[in-house]
PDB file of all heavy atoms in Angstrom:
ATOM      1  N   GLY A   1      88.743  82.155  85.514  1.00  0.00           N
ATOM      2  CA  GLY A   1      87.443  81.857  84.938  1.00  0.00           C
ATOM      3  C   GLY A   1      86.326  82.368  85.803  1.00  0.00           C
ATOM      4  O   GLY A   1      86.552  82.926  86.868  1.00  0.00           O
ATOM      5  N   GLY A   2      85.117  82.177  85.344  1.00  0.00           N
ATOM      6  CA  GLY A   2      83.976  82.616  86.122  1.00  0.00           C
ATOM      7  C   GLY A   2      82.675  82.446  85.373  1.00  0.00           C
ATOM      8  O   GLY A   2      82.632  81.881  84.283  1.00  0.00           O
ATOM      9  N   HIS A   3      81.620  82.976  85.975  1.00  0.00           N
ATOM     10  CA  HIS A   3      80.277  82.822  85.432  1.00  0.00           C
ATOM     11  C   HIS A   3      80.001  83.758  84.266  1.00  0.00           C
ATOM     12  O   HIS A   3      80.461  84.897  84.240  1.00  0.00           O
ATOM     13  CB  HIS A   3      79.243  83.040  86.541  1.00  0.00           C
ATOM     14  CG  HIS A   3      79.172  81.900  87.485  1.00  0.00           C
ATOM     15  ND1 HIS A   3      80.013  81.786  88.575  1.00  0.00           N
ATOM     16  CD2 HIS A   3      78.390  80.798  87.478  1.00  0.00           C
ATOM     17  CE1 HIS A   3      79.740  80.663  89.208  1.00  0.00           C
ATOM     18  NE2 HIS A   3      78.760  80.044  88.570  1.00  0.00           N
ATOM     19  N   ARG A   4      79.237  83.245  83.369  1.00  0.00           N
ATOM     20  CA  ARG A   4      78.780  83.987  82.206  1.00  0.00           C
ATOM     21  C   ARG A   4      77.671  84.944  82.644  1.00  0.00           C
ATOM     22  O   ARG A   4      76.788  84.569  83.412  1.00  0.00           O
ATOM     23  CB  ARG A   4      78.243  82.949  81.220  1.00  0.00           C
ATOM     24  CG  ARG A   4      77.671  83.456  79.959  1.00  0.00           C
ATOM     25  CD  ARG A   4      77.186  82.235  79.184  1.00  0.00           C
ATOM     26  NE  ARG A   4      76.704  82.566  77.878  1.00  0.00           N
ATOM     27  CZ  ARG A   4      76.320  81.679  76.989  1.00  0.00           C
ATOM     28  NH1 ARG A   4      76.375  80.394  77.264  1.00  0.00           N
ATOM     29  NH2 ARG A   4      75.890  82.054  75.813  1.00  0.00           N
ATOM     30  N   GLU A   5      77.714  86.167  82.164  1.00  0.00           N
ATOM     31  CA  GLU A   5      76.692  87.150  82.499  1.00  0.00           C
ATOM     32  C   GLU A   5      75.534  87.062  81.507  1.00  0.00           C
ATOM     33  O   GLU A   5      75.677  86.523  80.409  1.00  0.00           O
ATOM     34  CB  GLU A   5      77.299  88.552  82.510  1.00  0.00           C
ATOM     35  CG  GLU A   5      78.304  88.715  83.640  1.00  0.00           C
ATOM     36  CD  GLU A   5      78.968  90.075  83.689  1.00  0.00           C
ATOM     37  OE1 GLU A   5      78.700  90.922  82.808  1.00  0.00           O
ATOM     38  OE2 GLU A   5      79.758  90.283  84.619  1.00  0.00           O
ATOM     39  N   GLU A   6      74.389  87.598  81.903  1.00  0.00           N
ATOM     40  CA  GLU A   6      73.207  87.567  81.044  1.00  0.00           C
ATOM     41  C   GLU A   6      73.504  88.237  79.705  1.00  0.00           C
ATOM     42  O   GLU A   6      74.147  89.284  79.659  1.00  0.00           O
ATOM     43  CB  GLU A   6      72.051  88.290  81.751  1.00  0.00           C
ATOM     44  CG  GLU A   6      70.713  88.006  81.112  1.00  0.00           C
ATOM     45  CD  GLU A   6      69.569  88.611  81.895  1.00  0.00           C
ATOM     46  OE1 GLU A   6      69.704  88.826  83.107  1.00  0.00           O
ATOM     47  OE2 GLU A   6      68.533  88.873  81.264  1.00  0.00           O
ATOM     48  N   ASN A   7      73.046  87.625  78.629  1.00  0.00           N
ATOM     49  CA  ASN A   7      73.229  88.127  77.254  1.00  0.00           C
ATOM     50  C   ASN A   7      74.692  88.207  76.816  1.00  0.00           C
ATOM     51  O   ASN A   7      75.033  88.965  75.920  1.00  0.00           O
ATOM     52  CB  ASN A   7      72.562  89.497  77.073  1.00  0.00           C
ATOM     53  CG  ASN A   7      71.071  89.424  77.304  1.00  0.00           C
ATOM     54  OD1 ASN A   7      70.418  88.461  76.894  1.00  0.00           O
ATOM     55  ND2 ASN A   7      70.521  90.409  77.979  1.00  0.00           N
ATOM     56  N   GLU A   8      75.567  87.428  77.444  1.00  0.00           N
ATOM     57  CA  GLU A   8      76.986  87.407  77.092  1.00  0.00           C
ATOM     58  C   GLU A   8      77.297  86.070  76.425  1.00  0.00           C
ATOM     59  O   GLU A   8      76.849  85.029  76.896  1.00  0.00           O
ATOM     60  CB  GLU A   8      77.818  87.573  78.374  1.00  0.00           C
ATOM     61  CG  GLU A   8      79.302  87.640  78.180  1.00  0.00           C
ATOM     62  CD  GLU A   8      80.045  87.862  79.493  1.00  0.00           C
ATOM     63  OE1 GLU A   8      79.764  87.146  80.489  1.00  0.00           O
ATOM     64  OE2 GLU A   8      80.912  88.751  79.532  1.00  0.00           O
ATOM     65  N   SER A   9      78.055  86.104  75.339  1.00  0.00           N
ATOM     66  CA  SER A   9      78.447  84.838  74.715  1.00  0.00           C
ATOM     67  C   SER A   9      79.490  84.171  75.617  1.00  0.00           C
ATOM     68  O   SER A   9      80.152  84.839  76.409  1.00  0.00           O
ATOM     69  CB  SER A   9      79.034  85.077  73.321  1.00  0.00           C
ATOM     70  OG  SER A   9      80.352  85.580  73.429  1.00  0.00           O
ATOM     71  N   ILE A  10      79.640  82.874  75.464  1.00  0.00           N
ATOM     72  CA  ILE A  10      80.627  82.164  76.290  1.00  0.00           C
ATOM     73  C   ILE A  10      82.049  82.619  75.949  1.00  0.00           C
ATOM     74  O   ILE A  10      82.896  82.723  76.827  1.00  0.00           O
ATOM     75  CB  ILE A  10      80.440  80.624  76.188  1.00  0.00           C
ATOM     76  CG1 ILE A  10      81.138  79.917  77.351  1.00  0.00           C
ATOM     77  CG2 ILE A  10      80.878  80.103  74.837  1.00  0.00           C
ATOM     78  CD1 ILE A  10      80.544  80.177  78.713  1.00  0.00           C
ATOM     79  N   ASN A  11      82.304  82.959  74.680  1.00  0.00           N
ATOM     80  CA  ASN A  11      83.632  83.475  74.297  1.00  0.00           C
ATOM     81  C   ASN A  11      83.891  84.833  74.931  1.00  0.00           C
ATOM     82  O   ASN A  11      85.005  85.118  75.385  1.00  0.00           O
ATOM     83  CB  ASN A  11      83.750  83.573  72.779  1.00  0.00           C
ATOM     84  CG  ASN A  11      83.824  82.212  72.116  1.00  0.00           C
ATOM     85  OD1 ASN A  11      83.776  81.173  72.775  1.00  0.00           O
ATOM     86  ND2 ASN A  11      83.919  82.204  70.805  1.00  0.00           N
ATOM     87  N   ASP A  12      82.859  85.697  74.953  1.00  0.00           N
ATOM     88  CA  ASP A  12      83.008  87.009  75.588  1.00  0.00           C
ATOM     89  C   ASP A  12      83.220  86.862  77.091  1.00  0.00           C
ATOM     90  O   ASP A  12      83.988  87.611  77.688  1.00  0.00           O
ATOM     91  CB  ASP A  12      81.794  87.899  75.304  1.00  0.00           C
ATOM     92  CG  ASP A  12      81.746  88.374  73.856  1.00  0.00           C
ATOM     93  OD1 ASP A  12      82.770  88.241  73.135  1.00  0.00           O
ATOM     94  OD2 ASP A  12      80.686  88.878  73.444  1.00  0.00           O
ATOM     95  N   ALA A  13      82.530  85.897  77.695  1.00  0.00           N
ATOM     96  CA  ALA A  13      82.717  85.642  79.131  1.00  0.00           C
ATOM     97  C   ALA A  13      84.163  85.229  79.405  1.00  0.00           C
ATOM     98  O   ALA A  13      84.784  85.700  80.366  1.00  0.00           O
ATOM     99  CB  ALA A  13      81.756  84.560  79.615  1.00  0.00           C
ATOM    100  N   ALA A  14      84.712  84.365  78.555  1.00  0.00           N
ATOM    101  CA  ALA A  14      86.102  83.917  78.731  1.00  0.00           C
ATOM    102  C   ALA A  14      87.064  85.095  78.599  1.00  0.00           C
ATOM    103  O   ALA A  14      87.982  85.251  79.419  1.00  0.00           O
ATOM    104  CB  ALA A  14      86.436  82.835  77.708  1.00  0.00           C
ATOM    105  N   SER A  15      86.855  85.945  77.599  1.00  0.00           N
ATOM    106  CA  SER A  15      87.733  87.120  77.417  1.00  0.00           C
ATOM    107  C   SER A  15      87.648  88.050  78.616  1.00  0.00           C
ATOM    108  O   SER A  15      88.666  88.519  79.122  1.00  0.00           O
ATOM    109  CB  SER A  15      87.331  87.896  76.158  1.00  0.00           C
ATOM    110  OG  SER A  15      87.613  87.150  75.016  1.00  0.00           O
ATOM    111  N   ARG A  16      86.432  88.321  79.055  1.00  0.00           N
ATOM    112  CA  ARG A  16      86.244  89.226  80.197  1.00  0.00           C
ATOM    113  C   ARG A  16      86.887  88.664  81.460  1.00  0.00           C
ATOM    114  O   ARG A  16      87.619  89.366  82.164  1.00  0.00           O
ATOM    115  CB  ARG A  16      84.739  89.464  80.427  1.00  0.00           C
ATOM    116  CG  ARG A  16      84.444  90.346  81.635  1.00  0.00           C
ATOM    117  CD  ARG A  16      82.948  90.525  81.866  1.00  0.00           C
ATOM    118  NE  ARG A  16      82.191  89.277  81.912  1.00  0.00           N
ATOM    119  CZ  ARG A  16      82.200  88.424  82.948  1.00  0.00           C
ATOM    120  NH1 ARG A  16      82.932  88.677  84.026  1.00  0.00           N
ATOM    121  NH2 ARG A  16      81.480  87.314  82.908  1.00  0.00           N
ATOM    122  N   GLU A  17      86.637  87.393  81.750  1.00  0.00           N
ATOM    123  CA  GLU A  17      87.196  86.788  82.967  1.00  0.00           C
ATOM    124  C   GLU A  17      88.724  86.751  82.926  1.00  0.00           C
ATOM    125  O   GLU A  17      89.373  87.019  83.933  1.00  0.00           O
ATOM    126  CB  GLU A  17      86.636  85.375  83.173  1.00  0.00           C
ATOM    127  CG  GLU A  17      85.184  85.342  83.587  1.00  0.00           C
ATOM    128  CD  GLU A  17      84.916  85.838  85.008  1.00  0.00           C
ATOM    129  OE1 GLU A  17      85.870  86.036  85.795  1.00  0.00           O
ATOM    130  OE2 GLU A  17      83.735  86.034  85.334  1.00  0.00           O
ATOM    131  N   LEU A  18      89.292  86.439  81.772  1.00  0.00           N
ATOM    132  CA  LEU A  18      90.755  86.404  81.668  1.00  0.00           C
ATOM    133  C   LEU A  18      91.336  87.789  81.941  1.00  0.00           C
ATOM    134  O   LEU A  18      92.308  87.926  82.685  1.00  0.00           O
ATOM    135  CB  LEU A  18      91.183  85.896  80.296  1.00  0.00           C
ATOM    136  CG  LEU A  18      92.678  85.681  80.101  1.00  0.00           C
ATOM    137  CD1 LEU A  18      93.243  84.667  81.105  1.00  0.00           C
ATOM    138  CD2 LEU A  18      92.967  85.224  78.680  1.00  0.00           C
ATOM    139  N   TYR A  19      90.727  88.812  81.369  1.00  0.00           N
ATOM    140  CA  TYR A  19      91.186  90.185  81.615  1.00  0.00           C
ATOM    141  C   TYR A  19      90.990  90.575  83.084  1.00  0.00           C
ATOM    142  O   TYR A  19      91.909  91.086  83.726  1.00  0.00           O
ATOM    143  CB  TYR A  19      90.438  91.175  80.712  1.00  0.00           C
ATOM    144  CG  TYR A  19      90.690  92.599  81.098  1.00  0.00           C
ATOM    145  CD1 TYR A  19      91.932  93.200  80.836  1.00  0.00           C
ATOM    146  CD2 TYR A  19      89.729  93.347  81.765  1.00  0.00           C
ATOM    147  CE1 TYR A  19      92.189  94.508  81.221  1.00  0.00           C
ATOM    148  CE2 TYR A  19      89.977  94.653  82.148  1.00  0.00           C
ATOM    149  CZ  TYR A  19      91.208  95.230  81.879  1.00  0.00           C
ATOM    150  OH  TYR A  19      91.463  96.519  82.275  1.00  0.00           O
ATOM    151  N   GLU A  20      89.791  90.319  83.628  1.00  0.00           N
ATOM    152  CA  GLU A  20      89.500  90.730  85.006  1.00  0.00           C
ATOM    153  C   GLU A  20      90.406  90.043  86.018  1.00  0.00           C
ATOM    154  O   GLU A  20      90.807  90.648  87.010  1.00  0.00           O
ATOM    155  CB  GLU A  20      88.040  90.421  85.359  1.00  0.00           C
ATOM    156  CG  GLU A  20      87.047  91.330  84.702  1.00  0.00           C
ATOM    157  CD  GLU A  20      85.597  90.987  85.035  1.00  0.00           C
ATOM    158  OE1 GLU A  20      85.334  90.010  85.777  1.00  0.00           O
ATOM    159  OE2 GLU A  20      84.720  91.701  84.525  1.00  0.00           O
ATOM    160  N   GLU A  21      90.726  88.771  85.788  1.00  0.00           N
ATOM    161  CA  GLU A  21      91.455  88.015  86.808  1.00  0.00           C
ATOM    162  C   GLU A  21      92.966  88.047  86.650  1.00  0.00           C
ATOM    163  O   GLU A  21      93.679  87.855  87.627  1.00  0.00           O
ATOM    164  CB  GLU A  21      90.935  86.576  86.857  1.00  0.00           C
ATOM    165  CG  GLU A  21      89.488  86.555  87.319  1.00  0.00           C
ATOM    166  CD  GLU A  21      88.985  85.183  87.695  1.00  0.00           C
ATOM    167  OE1 GLU A  21      89.743  84.204  87.608  1.00  0.00           O
ATOM    168  OE2 GLU A  21      87.806  85.108  88.087  1.00  0.00           O
ATOM    169  N   THR A  22      93.457  88.268  85.426  1.00  0.00           N
ATOM    170  CA  THR A  22      94.917  88.255  85.236  1.00  0.00           C
ATOM    171  C   THR A  22      95.465  89.570  84.697  1.00  0.00           C
ATOM    172  O   THR A  22      96.674  89.760  84.694  1.00  0.00           O
ATOM    173  CB  THR A  22      95.339  87.144  84.247  1.00  0.00           C
ATOM    174  OG1 THR A  22      94.856  87.481  82.945  1.00  0.00           O
ATOM    175  CG2 THR A  22      94.828  85.783  84.687  1.00  0.00           C
ATOM    176  N   GLY A  23      94.606  90.433  84.202  1.00  0.00           N
ATOM    177  CA  GLY A  23      95.082  91.658  83.568  1.00  0.00           C
ATOM    178  C   GLY A  23      95.588  91.420  82.154  1.00  0.00           C
ATOM    179  O   GLY A  23      96.272  92.268  81.584  1.00  0.00           O
ATOM    180  N   ALA A  24      95.244  90.270  81.569  1.00  0.00           N
ATOM    181  CA  ALA A  24      95.678  89.968  80.203  1.00  0.00           C
ATOM    182  C   ALA A  24      95.079  90.998  79.247  1.00  0.00           C
ATOM    183  O   ALA A  24      93.866  91.186  79.213  1.00  0.00           O
ATOM    184  CB  ALA A  24      95.242  88.563  79.810  1.00  0.00           C
ATOM    185  N   THR A  25      95.939  91.682  78.501  1.00  0.00           N
ATOM    186  CA  THR A  25      95.482  92.723  77.582  1.00  0.00           C
ATOM    187  C   THR A  25      95.611  92.288  76.125  1.00  0.00           C
ATOM    188  O   THR A  25      94.895  92.785  75.272  1.00  0.00           O
ATOM    189  CB  THR A  25      96.296  94.017  77.772  1.00  0.00           C
ATOM    190  OG1 THR A  25      97.685  93.703  77.647  1.00  0.00           O
ATOM    191  CG2 THR A  25      96.017  94.629  79.137  1.00  0.00           C
ATOM    192  N   LYS A  26      96.527  91.370  75.857  1.00  0.00           N
ATOM    193  CA  LYS A  26      96.707  90.867  74.498  1.00  0.00           C
ATOM    194  C   LYS A  26      96.794  89.352  74.590  1.00  0.00           C
ATOM    195  O   LYS A  26      97.705  88.806  75.225  1.00  0.00           O
ATOM    196  CB  LYS A  26      97.979  91.453  73.885  1.00  0.00           C
ATOM    197  CG  LYS A  26      98.154  91.105  72.432  1.00  0.00           C
ATOM    198  CD  LYS A  26      99.372  91.770  71.824  1.00  0.00           C
ATOM    199  CE  LYS A  26      99.463  91.400  70.358  1.00  0.00           C
ATOM    200  NZ  LYS A  26     100.724  91.818  69.780  1.00  0.00           N
ATOM    201  N   PHE A  27      95.815  88.681  73.965  1.00  0.00           N
ATOM    202  CA  PHE A  27      95.762  87.220  74.069  1.00  0.00           C
ATOM    203  C   PHE A  27      94.899  86.649  72.957  1.00  0.00           C
ATOM    204  O   PHE A  27      94.101  87.341  72.347  1.00  0.00           O
ATOM    205  CB  PHE A  27      95.197  86.780  75.422  1.00  0.00           C
ATOM    206  CG  PHE A  27      93.865  87.370  75.762  1.00  0.00           C
ATOM    207  CD1 PHE A  27      92.690  86.753  75.359  1.00  0.00           C
ATOM    208  CD2 PHE A  27      93.774  88.540  76.501  1.00  0.00           C
ATOM    209  CE1 PHE A  27      91.452  87.287  75.680  1.00  0.00           C
ATOM    210  CE2 PHE A  27      92.545  89.092  76.830  1.00  0.00           C
ATOM    211  CZ  PHE A  27      91.381  88.465  76.415  1.00  0.00           C
ATOM    212  N   LYS A  28      95.096  85.365  72.724  1.00  0.00           N
ATOM    213  CA  LYS A  28      94.286  84.614  71.774  1.00  0.00           C
ATOM    214  C   LYS A  28      93.599  83.504  72.559  1.00  0.00           C
ATOM    215  O   LYS A  28      94.247  82.799  73.330  1.00  0.00           O
ATOM    216  CB  LYS A  28      95.189  84.022  70.687  1.00  0.00           C
ATOM    217  CG  LYS A  28      94.436  83.246  69.645  1.00  0.00           C
ATOM    218  CD  LYS A  28      95.391  82.658  68.614  1.00  0.00           C
ATOM    219  CE  LYS A  28      94.616  81.712  67.708  1.00  0.00           C
ATOM    220  NZ  LYS A  28      95.462  80.686  67.157  1.00  0.00           N
ATOM    221  N   LEU A  29      92.289  83.366  72.372  1.00  0.00           N
ATOM    222  CA  LEU A  29      91.511  82.323  73.047  1.00  0.00           C
ATOM    223  C   LEU A  29      91.169  81.208  72.073  1.00  0.00           C
ATOM    224  O   LEU A  29      90.747  81.478  70.951  1.00  0.00           O
ATOM    225  CB  LEU A  29      90.185  82.895  73.539  1.00  0.00           C
ATOM    226  CG  LEU A  29      90.141  83.571  74.890  1.00  0.00           C
ATOM    227  CD1 LEU A  29      88.742  84.105  75.133  1.00  0.00           C
ATOM    228  CD2 LEU A  29      90.554  82.651  75.996  1.00  0.00           C
ATOM    229  N   THR A  30      91.336  79.971  72.514  1.00  0.00           N
ATOM    230  CA  THR A  30      90.961  78.821  71.700  1.00  0.00           C
ATOM    231  C   THR A  30      90.050  77.922  72.530  1.00  0.00           C
ATOM    232  O   THR A  30      90.464  77.430  73.587  1.00  0.00           O
ATOM    233  CB  THR A  30      92.216  78.020  71.285  1.00  0.00           C
ATOM    234  OG1 THR A  30      93.133  78.898  70.652  1.00  0.00           O
ATOM    235  CG2 THR A  30      91.854  76.885  70.348  1.00  0.00           C
ATOM    236  N   PRO A  31      88.804  77.702  72.093  1.00  0.00           N
ATOM    237  CA  PRO A  31      87.927  76.775  72.817  1.00  0.00           C
ATOM    238  C   PRO A  31      88.476  75.356  72.730  1.00  0.00           C
ATOM    239  O   PRO A  31      88.926  74.935  71.665  1.00  0.00           O
ATOM    240  CB  PRO A  31      86.592  76.881  72.086  1.00  0.00           C
ATOM    241  CG  PRO A  31      86.698  78.056  71.180  1.00  0.00           C
ATOM    242  CD  PRO A  31      88.145  78.289  70.933  1.00  0.00           C
ATOM    243  N   ILE A  32      88.447  74.624  73.842  1.00  0.00           N
ATOM    244  CA  ILE A  32      88.925  73.237  73.872  1.00  0.00           C
ATOM    245  C   ILE A  32      87.753  72.271  73.882  1.00  0.00           C
ATOM    246  O   ILE A  32      87.650  71.393  73.036  1.00  0.00           O
ATOM    247  CB  ILE A  32      89.818  72.979  75.105  1.00  0.00           C
ATOM    248  CG1 ILE A  32      91.068  73.851  75.050  1.00  0.00           C
ATOM    249  CG2 ILE A  32      90.170  71.505  75.222  1.00  0.00           C
ATOM    250  CD1 ILE A  32      91.957  73.725  76.273  1.00  0.00           C
ATOM    251  N   CYS A  33      86.870  72.426  74.870  1.00  0.00           N
ATOM    252  CA  CYS A  33      85.751  71.506  75.022  1.00  0.00           C
ATOM    253  C   CYS A  33      84.764  72.070  76.033  1.00  0.00           C
ATOM    254  O   CYS A  33      85.025  73.080  76.681  1.00  0.00           O
ATOM    255  CB  CYS A  33      86.241  70.131  75.498  1.00  0.00           C
ATOM    256  SG  CYS A  33      86.993  70.154  77.136  1.00  0.00           S
ATOM    257  N   VAL A  34      83.657  71.368  76.178  1.00  0.00           N
ATOM    258  CA  VAL A  34      82.685  71.655  77.230  1.00  0.00           C
ATOM    259  C   VAL A  34      82.921  70.612  78.311  1.00  0.00           C
ATOM    260  O   VAL A  34      83.350  69.494  78.027  1.00  0.00           O
ATOM    261  CB  VAL A  34      81.248  71.559  76.668  1.00  0.00           C
ATOM    262  CG1 VAL A  34      80.208  71.647  77.779  1.00  0.00           C
ATOM    263  CG2 VAL A  34      81.028  72.646  75.625  1.00  0.00           C
ATOM    264  N   TYR A  35      82.660  70.993  79.560  1.00  0.00           N
ATOM    265  CA  TYR A  35      82.784  70.003  80.631  1.00  0.00           C
ATOM    266  C   TYR A  35      81.682  70.205  81.659  1.00  0.00           C
ATOM    267  O   TYR A  35      81.045  71.257  81.722  1.00  0.00           O
ATOM    268  CB  TYR A  35      84.168  70.055  81.291  1.00  0.00           C
ATOM    269  CG  TYR A  35      84.381  71.229  82.204  1.00  0.00           C
ATOM    270  CD1 TYR A  35      84.209  71.106  83.586  1.00  0.00           C
ATOM    271  CD2 TYR A  35      84.758  72.470  81.710  1.00  0.00           C
ATOM    272  CE1 TYR A  35      84.403  72.187  84.425  1.00  0.00           C
ATOM    273  CE2 TYR A  35      84.959  73.540  82.546  1.00  0.00           C
ATOM    274  CZ  TYR A  35      84.769  73.398  83.905  1.00  0.00           C
ATOM    275  OH  TYR A  35      84.957  74.463  84.744  1.00  0.00           O
ATOM    276  N   SER A  36      81.442  69.158  82.428  1.00  0.00           N
ATOM    277  CA  SER A  36      80.497  69.235  83.532  1.00  0.00           C
ATOM    278  C   SER A  36      81.125  68.543  84.733  1.00  0.00           C
ATOM    279  O   SER A  36      82.056  67.751  84.597  1.00  0.00           O
ATOM    280  CB  SER A  36      79.166  68.564  83.172  1.00  0.00           C
ATOM    281  OG  SER A  36      79.341  67.169  83.034  1.00  0.00           O
ATOM    282  N   VAL A  37      80.603  68.882  85.891  1.00  0.00           N
ATOM    283  CA  VAL A  37      81.061  68.261  87.126  1.00  0.00           C
ATOM    284  C   VAL A  37      79.849  67.636  87.797  1.00  0.00           C
ATOM    285  O   VAL A  37      78.813  68.281  87.947  1.00  0.00           O
ATOM    286  CB  VAL A  37      81.707  69.297  88.069  1.00  0.00           C
ATOM    287  CG1 VAL A  37      82.118  68.655  89.377  1.00  0.00           C
ATOM    288  CG2 VAL A  37      82.912  69.944  87.396  1.00  0.00           C
ATOM    289  N   GLU A  38      79.971  66.365  88.133  1.00  0.00           N
ATOM    290  CA  GLU A  38      78.893  65.659  88.834  1.00  0.00           C
ATOM    291  C   GLU A  38      79.375  65.331  90.240  1.00  0.00           C
ATOM    292  O   GLU A  38      80.539  64.998  90.444  1.00  0.00           O
ATOM    293  CB  GLU A  38      78.564  64.353  88.123  1.00  0.00           C
ATOM    294  CG  GLU A  38      77.891  64.533  86.781  1.00  0.00           C
ATOM    295  CD  GLU A  38      77.549  63.194  86.168  1.00  0.00           C
ATOM    296  OE1 GLU A  38      76.793  62.420  86.799  1.00  0.00           O
ATOM    297  OE2 GLU A  38      78.056  62.932  85.075  1.00  0.00           O
ATOM    298  N   SER A  39      78.464  65.424  91.184  1.00  0.00           N
ATOM    299  CA  SER A  39      78.781  65.095  92.563  1.00  0.00           C
ATOM    300  C   SER A  39      77.644  64.289  93.155  1.00  0.00           C
ATOM    301  O   SER A  39      76.483  64.653  93.000  1.00  0.00           O
ATOM    302  CB  SER A  39      78.977  66.383  93.373  1.00  0.00           C
ATOM    303  OG  SER A  39      79.032  66.092  94.746  1.00  0.00           O
ATOM    304  N   ASP A  40      77.976  63.215  93.848  1.00  0.00           N
ATOM    305  CA  ASP A  40      76.917  62.454  94.516  1.00  0.00           C
ATOM    306  C   ASP A  40      76.824  62.851  95.988  1.00  0.00           C
ATOM    307  O   ASP A  40      76.105  62.254  96.758  1.00  0.00           O
ATOM    308  CB  ASP A  40      77.115  60.947  94.350  1.00  0.00           C
ATOM    309  CG  ASP A  40      78.434  60.459  94.915  1.00  0.00           C
ATOM    310  OD1 ASP A  40      79.147  61.237  95.569  1.00  0.00           O
ATOM    311  OD2 ASP A  40      78.761  59.283  94.691  1.00  0.00           O
ATOM    312  N   GLU A  41      77.573  63.897  96.373  1.00  0.00           N
ATOM    313  CA  GLU A  41      77.557  64.346  97.768  1.00  0.00           C
ATOM    314  C   GLU A  41      76.393  65.287  98.051  1.00  0.00           C
ATOM    315  O   GLU A  41      76.021  65.495  99.186  1.00  0.00           O
ATOM    316  CB  GLU A  41      78.879  65.044  98.113  1.00  0.00           C
ATOM    317  CG  GLU A  41      80.052  64.090  98.074  1.00  0.00           C
ATOM    318  CD  GLU A  41      81.375  64.794  98.281  1.00  0.00           C
ATOM    319  OE1 GLU A  41      81.390  65.947  98.729  1.00  0.00           O
ATOM    320  OE2 GLU A  41      82.395  64.165  97.983  1.00  0.00           O
ATOM    321  N   ASN A  42      75.832  65.889  97.019  1.00  0.00           N
ATOM    322  CA  ASN A  42      74.759  66.850  97.196  1.00  0.00           C
ATOM    323  C   ASN A  42      73.513  66.326  96.496  1.00  0.00           C
ATOM    324  O   ASN A  42      73.456  66.273  95.277  1.00  0.00           O
ATOM    325  CB  ASN A  42      75.186  68.213  96.619  1.00  0.00           C
ATOM    326  CG  ASN A  42      74.144  69.275  96.830  1.00  0.00           C
ATOM    327  OD1 ASN A  42      72.998  68.994  97.170  1.00  0.00           O
ATOM    328  ND2 ASN A  42      74.531  70.509  96.611  1.00  0.00           N
ATOM    329  N   ILE A  43      72.512  65.963  97.251  1.00  0.00           N
ATOM    330  CA  ILE A  43      71.297  65.380  96.691  1.00  0.00           C
ATOM    331  C   ILE A  43      70.584  66.379  95.773  1.00  0.00           C
ATOM    332  O   ILE A  43      69.966  66.002  94.790  1.00  0.00           O
ATOM    333  CB  ILE A  43      70.357  64.904  97.827  1.00  0.00           C
ATOM    334  CG1 ILE A  43      71.022  63.720  98.528  1.00  0.00           C
ATOM    335  CG2 ILE A  43      68.986  64.533  97.295  1.00  0.00           C
ATOM    336  CD1 ILE A  43      70.380  63.313  99.812  1.00  0.00           C
ATOM    337  N   ASN A  44      70.690  67.667  96.059  1.00  0.00           N
ATOM    338  CA  ASN A  44      70.026  68.696  95.256  1.00  0.00           C
ATOM    339  C   ASN A  44      70.898  69.176  94.106  1.00  0.00           C
ATOM    340  O   ASN A  44      70.623  70.201  93.511  1.00  0.00           O
ATOM    341  CB  ASN A  44      69.655  69.894  96.132  1.00  0.00           C
ATOM    342  CG  ASN A  44      68.676  69.496  97.213  1.00  0.00           C
ATOM    343  OD1 ASN A  44      67.754  68.730  96.962  1.00  0.00           O
ATOM    344  ND2 ASN A  44      68.880  69.998  98.408  1.00  0.00           N
TER     345      ASN A  44
END
């Protein structure tokens, strides 16, 4: 996984990251959910 680039859809970001990081050339993507991470260790 990784960060979404400017003017890129989140689905396109997922496809690009999967290809870049694993070399996946043939695959089907299914969105599951949105998530967030909260931390109380960083005040900012």
